[in-house]
PDB file of all heavy atoms in Angstrom:
ATOM      1  N   ILE A   1      94.963 138.883 109.548  1.00  0.00           N
ATOM      2  CA  ILE A   1      93.538 138.962 109.758  1.00  0.00           C
ATOM      3  C   ILE A   1      93.000 137.754 110.594  1.00  0.00           C
ATOM      4  O   ILE A   1      92.628 137.810 111.584  1.00  0.00           O
ATOM      5  CB  ILE A   1      92.731 139.233 108.477  1.00  0.00           C
ATOM      6  CG1 ILE A   1      93.129 140.571 107.805  1.00  0.00           C
ATOM      7  CG2 ILE A   1      91.188 139.183 108.713  1.00  0.00           C
ATOM      8  CD1 ILE A   1      92.611 141.845 108.452  1.00  0.00           C
ATOM      9  N   ILE A   2      93.078 136.724 109.784  1.00  0.00           N
ATOM     10  CA  ILE A   2      92.393 135.353 110.217  1.00  0.00           C
ATOM     11  C   ILE A   2      93.149 134.952 111.569  1.00  0.00           C
ATOM     12  O   ILE A   2      92.421 134.705 112.638  1.00  0.00           O
ATOM     13  CB  ILE A   2      92.665 134.207 109.189  1.00  0.00           C
ATOM     14  CG1 ILE A   2      91.646 134.551 108.026  1.00  0.00           C
ATOM     15  CG2 ILE A   2      92.220 132.846 109.758  1.00  0.00           C
ATOM     16  CD1 ILE A   2      90.141 134.627 108.362  1.00  0.00           C
ATOM     17  N   LEU A   3      94.466 134.885 111.563  1.00  0.00           N
ATOM     18  CA  LEU A   3      95.094 134.399 112.838  1.00  0.00           C
ATOM     19  C   LEU A   3      95.143 135.278 113.979  1.00  0.00           C
ATOM     20  O   LEU A   3      95.452 134.822 115.091  1.00  0.00           O
ATOM     21  CB  LEU A   3      96.613 134.067 112.424  1.00  0.00           C
ATOM     22  CG  LEU A   3      96.854 132.922 111.331  1.00  0.00           C
ATOM     23  CD1 LEU A   3      98.357 132.723 111.141  1.00  0.00           C
ATOM     24  CD2 LEU A   3      96.334 131.693 112.038  1.00  0.00           C
ATOM     25  N   VAL A   4      94.777 136.517 113.832  1.00  0.00           N
ATOM     26  CA  VAL A   4      94.600 137.465 115.018  1.00  0.00           C
ATOM     27  C   VAL A   4      93.243 137.761 115.243  1.00  0.00           C
ATOM     28  O   VAL A   4      93.000 138.677 116.009  1.00  0.00           O
ATOM     29  CB  VAL A   4      95.593 138.813 114.780  1.00  0.00           C
ATOM     30  CG1 VAL A   4      97.069 138.353 114.617  1.00  0.00           C
ATOM     31  CG2 VAL A   4      95.147 139.534 113.533  1.00  0.00           C
ATOM     32  N   GLY A   5      92.283 137.217 114.509  1.00  0.00           N
ATOM     33  CA  GLY A   5      90.930 137.454 114.873  1.00  0.00           C
ATOM     34  C   GLY A   5      90.322 138.674 114.448  1.00  0.00           C
ATOM     35  O   GLY A   5      89.193 139.182 114.990  1.00  0.00           O
ATOM     36  N   LYS A   6      90.829 139.395 113.487  1.00  0.00           N
ATOM     37  CA  LYS A   6      90.217 140.629 112.943  1.00  0.00           C
ATOM     38  C   LYS A   6      89.268 140.434 111.915  1.00  0.00           C
ATOM     39  O   LYS A   6      89.119 139.245 111.460  1.00  0.00           O
ATOM     40  CB  LYS A   6      91.451 141.544 112.240  1.00  0.00           C
ATOM     41  CG  LYS A   6      92.338 142.097 113.215  1.00  0.00           C
ATOM     42  CD  LYS A   6      93.350 143.080 112.609  1.00  0.00           C
ATOM     43  CE  LYS A   6      94.405 143.663 113.418  1.00  0.00           C
ATOM     44  NZ  LYS A   6      95.119 144.579 112.674  1.00  0.00           N
ATOM     45  N   ALA A   7      88.384 141.454 111.503  1.00  0.00           N
ATOM     46  CA  ALA A   7      87.363 141.275 110.533  1.00  0.00           C
ATOM     47  C   ALA A   7      87.763 141.837 109.249  1.00  0.00           C
ATOM     48  O   ALA A   7      88.257 143.116 109.303  1.00  0.00           O
ATOM     49  CB  ALA A   7      86.170 141.872 111.126  1.00  0.00           C
ATOM     50  N   SER A   8      87.659 141.204 108.163  1.00  0.00           N
ATOM     51  CA  SER A   8      88.222 141.649 106.848  1.00  0.00           C
ATOM     52  C   SER A   8      87.302 142.889 106.472  1.00  0.00           C
ATOM     53  O   SER A   8      87.821 143.764 105.706  1.00  0.00           O
ATOM     54  CB  SER A   8      88.215 140.661 105.813  1.00  0.00           C
ATOM     55  OG  SER A   8      86.954 140.037 105.673  1.00  0.00           O
ATOM     56  N   LYS A   9      86.133 142.974 106.798  1.00  0.00           N
ATOM     57  CA  LYS A   9      85.352 144.108 106.338  1.00  0.00           C
ATOM     58  C   LYS A   9      85.634 145.325 107.078  1.00  0.00           C
ATOM     59  O   LYS A   9      85.315 146.427 106.661  1.00  0.00           O
ATOM     60  CB  LYS A   9      83.769 143.672 106.435  1.00  0.00           C
ATOM     61  CG  LYS A   9      83.253 142.665 105.412  1.00  0.00           C
ATOM     62  CD  LYS A   9      81.804 142.427 105.491  1.00  0.00           C
ATOM     63  CE  LYS A   9      81.388 141.479 104.435  1.00  0.00           C
ATOM     64  NZ  LYS A   9      80.076 141.186 104.375  1.00  0.00           N
ATOM     65  N   ASP A  10      86.186 145.281 108.353  1.00  0.00           N
ATOM     66  CA  ASP A  10      86.411 146.365 109.088  1.00  0.00           C
ATOM     67  C   ASP A  10      87.855 146.791 109.015  1.00  0.00           C
ATOM     68  O   ASP A  10      88.269 147.663 109.769  1.00  0.00           O
ATOM     69  CB  ASP A  10      86.105 146.106 110.484  1.00  0.00           C
ATOM     70  CG  ASP A  10      84.655 145.658 110.813  1.00  0.00           C
ATOM     71  OD1 ASP A  10      83.677 146.260 109.957  1.00  0.00           O
ATOM     72  OD2 ASP A  10      84.213 144.886 111.655  1.00  0.00           O
ATOM     73  N   THR A  11      88.677 146.120 108.350  1.00  0.00           N
ATOM     74  CA  THR A  11      90.078 146.441 108.224  1.00  0.00           C
ATOM     75  C   THR A  11      90.494 146.901 106.840  1.00  0.00           C
ATOM     76  O   THR A  11      90.073 146.516 105.838  1.00  0.00           O
ATOM     77  CB  THR A  11      90.967 145.071 108.414  1.00  0.00           C
ATOM     78  OG1 THR A  11      90.509 144.543 109.737  1.00  0.00           O
ATOM     79  CG2 THR A  11      92.390 145.449 108.638  1.00  0.00           C
ATOM     80  N   LYS A  12      91.252 148.031 106.920  1.00  0.00           N
ATOM     81  CA  LYS A  12      91.860 148.517 105.588  1.00  0.00           C
ATOM     82  C   LYS A  12      93.078 147.826 105.082  1.00  0.00           C
ATOM     83  O   LYS A  12      93.771 147.205 105.930  1.00  0.00           O
ATOM     84  CB  LYS A  12      92.111 150.051 105.892  1.00  0.00           C
ATOM     85  CG  LYS A  12      90.998 150.930 106.015  1.00  0.00           C
ATOM     86  CD  LYS A  12      91.417 152.366 106.218  1.00  0.00           C
ATOM     87  CE  LYS A  12      90.321 153.261 106.649  1.00  0.00           C
ATOM     88  NZ  LYS A  12      89.465 153.813 105.593  1.00  0.00           N
ATOM     89  N   VAL A  13      93.185 147.777 103.809  1.00  0.00           N
ATOM     90  CA  VAL A  13      94.256 147.177 103.170  1.00  0.00           C
ATOM     91  C   VAL A  13      95.666 147.730 103.764  1.00  0.00           C
ATOM     92  O   VAL A  13      96.543 147.049 103.929  1.00  0.00           O
ATOM     93  CB  VAL A  13      94.207 147.390 101.728  1.00  0.00           C
ATOM     94  CG1 VAL A  13      95.537 146.972 100.961  1.00  0.00           C
ATOM     95  CG2 VAL A  13      93.051 146.541 101.049  1.00  0.00           C
ATOM     96  N   ALA A  14      95.647 149.019 103.966  1.00  0.00           N
ATOM     97  CA  ALA A  14      96.910 149.771 104.455  1.00  0.00           C
ATOM     98  C   ALA A  14      97.323 149.083 105.829  1.00  0.00           C
ATOM     99  O   ALA A  14      98.524 149.073 106.122  1.00  0.00           O
ATOM    100  CB  ALA A  14      96.572 151.102 104.835  1.00  0.00           C
ATOM    101  N   ASP A  15      96.346 148.494 106.594  1.00  0.00           N
ATOM    102  CA  ASP A  15      96.714 147.843 107.805  1.00  0.00           C
ATOM    103  C   ASP A  15      97.428 146.561 107.778  1.00  0.00           C
ATOM    104  O   ASP A  15      98.028 146.159 108.650  1.00  0.00           O
ATOM    105  CB  ASP A  15      95.399 147.844 108.690  1.00  0.00           C
ATOM    106  CG  ASP A  15      94.923 149.052 109.028  1.00  0.00           C
ATOM    107  OD1 ASP A  15      95.542 150.064 109.120  1.00  0.00           O
ATOM    108  OD2 ASP A  15      93.584 149.145 109.341  1.00  0.00           O
ATOM    109  N   ILE A  16      97.259 145.857 106.630  1.00  0.00           N
ATOM    110  CA  ILE A  16      97.942 144.540 106.518  1.00  0.00           C
ATOM    111  C   ILE A  16      98.874 144.409 105.364  1.00  0.00           C
ATOM    112  O   ILE A  16      99.529 143.478 105.348  1.00  0.00           O
ATOM    113  CB  ILE A  16      96.826 143.414 106.343  1.00  0.00           C
ATOM    114  CG1 ILE A  16      96.132 143.532 105.029  1.00  0.00           C
ATOM    115  CG2 ILE A  16      95.905 143.495 107.527  1.00  0.00           C
ATOM    116  CD1 ILE A  16      95.440 142.243 104.533  1.00  0.00           C
ATOM    117  N   MET A  17      98.934 145.359 104.423  1.00  0.00           N
ATOM    118  CA  MET A  17      99.754 145.351 103.216  1.00  0.00           C
ATOM    119  C   MET A  17     101.241 145.252 103.592  1.00  0.00           C
ATOM    120  O   MET A  17     101.612 145.766 104.695  1.00  0.00           O
ATOM    121  CB  MET A  17      99.529 146.438 102.266  1.00  0.00           C
ATOM    122  CG  MET A  17     100.095 147.743 102.775  1.00  0.00           C
ATOM    123  SD  MET A  17      99.493 149.069 101.495  1.00  0.00           S
ATOM    124  CE  MET A  17     100.374 150.385 102.294  1.00  0.00           C
ATOM    125  N   SER A  18     102.042 144.518 102.703  1.00  0.00           N
ATOM    126  CA  SER A  18     103.423 144.581 102.937  1.00  0.00           C
ATOM    127  C   SER A  18     103.922 145.818 102.242  1.00  0.00           C
ATOM    128  O   SER A  18     103.784 146.086 101.103  1.00  0.00           O
ATOM    129  CB  SER A  18     104.076 143.348 102.177  1.00  0.00           C
ATOM    130  OG  SER A  18     103.602 142.170 102.742  1.00  0.00           O
ATOM    131  N   THR A  19     104.686 146.676 102.988  1.00  0.00           N
ATOM    132  CA  THR A  19     105.172 148.051 102.530  1.00  0.00           C
ATOM    133  C   THR A  19     106.538 147.988 101.985  1.00  0.00           C
ATOM    134  O   THR A  19     106.871 148.858 101.251  1.00  0.00           O
ATOM    135  CB  THR A  19     105.065 149.014 103.525  1.00  0.00           C
ATOM    136  OG1 THR A  19     105.729 148.673 104.806  1.00  0.00           O
ATOM    137  CG2 THR A  19     103.676 149.282 103.864  1.00  0.00           C
ATOM    138  N   LYS A  20     107.355 146.780 102.289  1.00  0.00           N
ATOM    139  CA  LYS A  20     108.588 146.676 101.723  1.00  0.00           C
ATOM    140  C   LYS A  20     108.451 145.944 100.427  1.00  0.00           C
ATOM    141  O   LYS A  20     108.247 144.747 100.400  1.00  0.00           O
ATOM    142  CB  LYS A  20     109.521 145.990 102.682  1.00  0.00           C
ATOM    143  CG  LYS A  20     110.968 145.927 102.167  1.00  0.00           C
ATOM    144  CD  LYS A  20     111.888 145.469 103.225  1.00  0.00           C
ATOM    145  CE  LYS A  20     113.318 145.535 102.653  1.00  0.00           C
ATOM    146  NZ  LYS A  20     114.261 145.300 103.722  1.00  0.00           N
ATOM    147  N   VAL A  21     108.422 146.676  99.283  1.00  0.00           N
ATOM    148  CA  VAL A  21     108.016 146.134  98.035  1.00  0.00           C
ATOM    149  C   VAL A  21     109.379 145.994  97.262  1.00  0.00           C
ATOM    150  O   VAL A  21     110.069 146.909  96.892  1.00  0.00           O
ATOM    151  CB  VAL A  21     107.037 146.972  97.246  1.00  0.00           C
ATOM    152  CG1 VAL A  21     106.754 146.410  95.828  1.00  0.00           C
ATOM    153  CG2 VAL A  21     105.771 147.179  97.986  1.00  0.00           C
ATOM    154  N   PHE A  22     109.544 144.759  96.931  1.00  0.00           N
ATOM    155  CA  PHE A  22     110.775 144.397  95.981  1.00  0.00           C
ATOM    156  C   PHE A  22     110.167 144.432  94.604  1.00  0.00           C
ATOM    157  O   PHE A  22     109.105 144.025  94.416  1.00  0.00           O
ATOM    158  CB  PHE A  22     111.264 142.976  96.359  1.00  0.00           C
ATOM    159  CG  PHE A  22     111.894 142.947  97.778  1.00  0.00           C
ATOM    160  CD1 PHE A  22     111.141 142.411  98.839  1.00  0.00           C
ATOM    161  CD2 PHE A  22     113.158 143.330  97.890  1.00  0.00           C
ATOM    162  CE1 PHE A  22     111.685 142.421 100.103  1.00  0.00           C
ATOM    163  CE2 PHE A  22     113.759 143.225  99.188  1.00  0.00           C
ATOM    164  CZ  PHE A  22     112.997 142.908 100.303  1.00  0.00           C
ATOM    165  N   TYR A  23     110.994 144.871  93.740  1.00  0.00           N
ATOM    166  CA  TYR A  23     110.509 144.969  92.313  1.00  0.00           C
ATOM    167  C   TYR A  23     111.666 144.723  91.345  1.00  0.00           C
ATOM    168  O   TYR A  23     112.842 144.657  91.809  1.00  0.00           O
ATOM    169  CB  TYR A  23     109.868 146.280  91.939  1.00  0.00           C
ATOM    170  CG  TYR A  23     110.813 147.472  92.128  1.00  0.00           C
ATOM    171  CD1 TYR A  23     111.662 147.879  91.126  1.00  0.00           C
ATOM    172  CD2 TYR A  23     111.014 148.151  93.359  1.00  0.00           C
ATOM    173  CE1 TYR A  23     112.622 148.951  91.305  1.00  0.00           C
ATOM    174  CE2 TYR A  23     111.839 149.144  93.638  1.00  0.00           C
ATOM    175  CZ  TYR A  23     112.659 149.546  92.549  1.00  0.00           C
ATOM    176  OH  TYR A  23     113.533 150.654  92.675  1.00  0.00           O
ATOM    177  N   VAL A  24     111.335 144.545  90.060  1.00  0.00           N
ATOM    178  CA  VAL A  24     112.443 144.291  89.082  1.00  0.00           C
ATOM    179  C   VAL A  24     112.038 145.106  87.903  1.00  0.00           C
ATOM    180  O   VAL A  24     110.993 145.716  87.758  1.00  0.00           O
ATOM    181  CB  VAL A  24     112.395 142.692  88.631  1.00  0.00           C
ATOM    182  CG1 VAL A  24     112.729 141.862  89.753  1.00  0.00           C
ATOM    183  CG2 VAL A  24     111.019 142.302  88.149  1.00  0.00           C
ATOM    184  N   GLY A  25     113.087 145.164  86.929  1.00  0.00           N
ATOM    185  CA  GLY A  25     112.989 145.945  85.711  1.00  0.00           C
ATOM    186  C   GLY A  25     112.688 145.004  84.609  1.00  0.00           C
ATOM    187  O   GLY A  25     113.017 143.738  84.669  1.00  0.00           O
ATOM    188  N   PRO A  26     112.346 145.487  83.445  1.00  0.00           N
ATOM    189  CA  PRO A  26     111.996 144.551  82.314  1.00  0.00           C
ATOM    190  C   PRO A  26     113.283 143.939  81.765  1.00  0.00           C
ATOM    191  O   PRO A  26     113.132 142.917  81.033  1.00  0.00           O
ATOM    192  CB  PRO A  26     111.381 145.602  81.242  1.00  0.00           C
ATOM    193  CG  PRO A  26     111.859 146.863  81.655  1.00  0.00           C
ATOM    194  CD  PRO A  26     112.065 146.903  83.137  1.00  0.00           C
ATOM    195  N   GLU A  27     114.391 144.456  81.976  1.00  0.00           N
ATOM    196  CA  GLU A  27     115.735 143.821  81.462  1.00  0.00           C
ATOM    197  C   GLU A  27     116.321 142.766  82.425  1.00  0.00           C
ATOM    198  O   GLU A  27     117.307 142.242  81.985  1.00  0.00           O
ATOM    199  CB  GLU A  27     116.757 144.975  81.113  1.00  0.00           C
ATOM    200  CG  GLU A  27     116.239 145.895  80.082  1.00  0.00           C
ATOM    201  CD  GLU A  27     115.945 145.346  78.698  1.00  0.00           C
ATOM    202  OE1 GLU A  27     116.653 144.403  78.401  1.00  0.00           O
ATOM    203  OE2 GLU A  27     114.974 145.868  78.063  1.00  0.00           O
ATOM    204  N   GLN A  28     115.682 142.508  83.504  1.00  0.00           N
ATOM    205  CA  GLN A  28     116.290 141.626  84.394  1.00  0.00           C
ATOM    206  C   GLN A  28     115.972 140.169  84.024  1.00  0.00           C
ATOM    207  O   GLN A  28     114.949 139.911  83.390  1.00  0.00           O
ATOM    208  CB  GLN A  28     115.701 141.753  85.772  1.00  0.00           C
ATOM    209  CG  GLN A  28     116.456 142.957  86.480  1.00  0.00           C
ATOM    210  CD  GLN A  28     116.191 143.051  87.979  1.00  0.00           C
ATOM    211  OE1 GLN A  28     115.269 143.785  88.433  1.00  0.00           O
ATOM    212  NE2 GLN A  28     116.873 142.235  88.683  1.00  0.00           N
ATOM    213  N   ARG A  29     116.920 139.290  84.130  1.00  0.00           N
ATOM    214  CA  ARG A  29     116.827 137.837  83.809  1.00  0.00           C
ATOM    215  C   ARG A  29     115.917 137.147  84.689  1.00  0.00           C
ATOM    216  O   ARG A  29     115.782 137.431  85.970  1.00  0.00           O
ATOM    217  CB  ARG A  29     118.100 137.130  83.852  1.00  0.00           C
ATOM    218  CG  ARG A  29     119.124 137.663  82.818  1.00  0.00           C
ATOM    219  CD  ARG A  29     120.482 136.882  82.754  1.00  0.00           C
ATOM    220  NE  ARG A  29     120.466 135.917  83.785  1.00  0.00           N
ATOM    221  CZ  ARG A  29     121.565 135.813  84.707  1.00  0.00           C
ATOM    222  NH1 ARG A  29     122.560 136.502  84.493  1.00  0.00           N
ATOM    223  NH2 ARG A  29     121.449 134.853  85.675  1.00  0.00           N
ATOM    224  N   ILE A  30     115.113 136.154  84.145  1.00  0.00           N
ATOM    225  CA  ILE A  30     114.177 135.409  84.910  1.00  0.00           C
ATOM    226  C   ILE A  30     114.863 134.845  86.101  1.00  0.00           C
ATOM    227  O   ILE A  30     114.414 134.672  87.262  1.00  0.00           O
ATOM    228  CB  ILE A  30     113.520 134.412  84.114  1.00  0.00           C
ATOM    229  CG1 ILE A  30     112.552 135.180  83.036  1.00  0.00           C
ATOM    230  CG2 ILE A  30     112.527 133.489  84.788  1.00  0.00           C
ATOM    231  CD1 ILE A  30     111.489 136.063  83.524  1.00  0.00           C
ATOM    232  N   GLU A  31     116.102 134.336  85.796  1.00  0.00           N
ATOM    233  CA  GLU A  31     116.741 133.563  86.995  1.00  0.00           C
ATOM    234  C   GLU A  31     117.054 134.519  88.136  1.00  0.00           C
ATOM    235  O   GLU A  31     117.057 134.056  89.273  1.00  0.00           O
ATOM    236  CB  GLU A  31     118.112 132.984  86.425  1.00  0.00           C
ATOM    237  CG  GLU A  31     117.931 131.849  85.388  1.00  0.00           C
ATOM    238  CD  GLU A  31     117.531 132.317  84.083  1.00  0.00           C
ATOM    239  OE1 GLU A  31     117.549 133.556  83.712  1.00  0.00           O
ATOM    240  OE2 GLU A  31     117.335 131.411  83.190  1.00  0.00           O
ATOM    241  N   GLU A  32     117.318 135.769  87.916  1.00  0.00           N
ATOM    242  CA  GLU A  32     117.559 136.782  88.890  1.00  0.00           C
ATOM    243  C   GLU A  32     116.153 136.958  89.735  1.00  0.00           C
ATOM    244  O   GLU A  32     116.216 137.112  91.038  1.00  0.00           O
ATOM    245  CB  GLU A  32     117.977 138.006  88.438  1.00  0.00           C
ATOM    246  CG  GLU A  32     119.378 137.978  87.751  1.00  0.00           C
ATOM    247  CD  GLU A  32     119.737 139.314  87.010  1.00  0.00           C
ATOM    248  OE1 GLU A  32     118.944 139.882  86.221  1.00  0.00           O
ATOM    249  OE2 GLU A  32     120.777 139.833  87.215  1.00  0.00           O
ATOM    250  N   CYS A  33     115.022 136.905  88.976  1.00  0.00           N
ATOM    251  CA  CYS A  33     113.809 137.046  89.730  1.00  0.00           C
ATOM    252  C   CYS A  33     113.609 135.918  90.561  1.00  0.00           C
ATOM    253  O   CYS A  33     113.112 136.206  91.775  1.00  0.00           O
ATOM    254  CB  CYS A  33     112.682 137.204  88.747  1.00  0.00           C
ATOM    255  SG  CYS A  33     112.731 138.664  87.661  1.00  0.00           S
TER     256      CYS A  33
END
């Protein structure tokens, strides 16, 4: 938004969100995270 001069009120979250979402499970070790 900022670095490309867009307006935050006119832009949808879908246009800037990261869609490759990494996730973990509750049994994963903190070190792995």
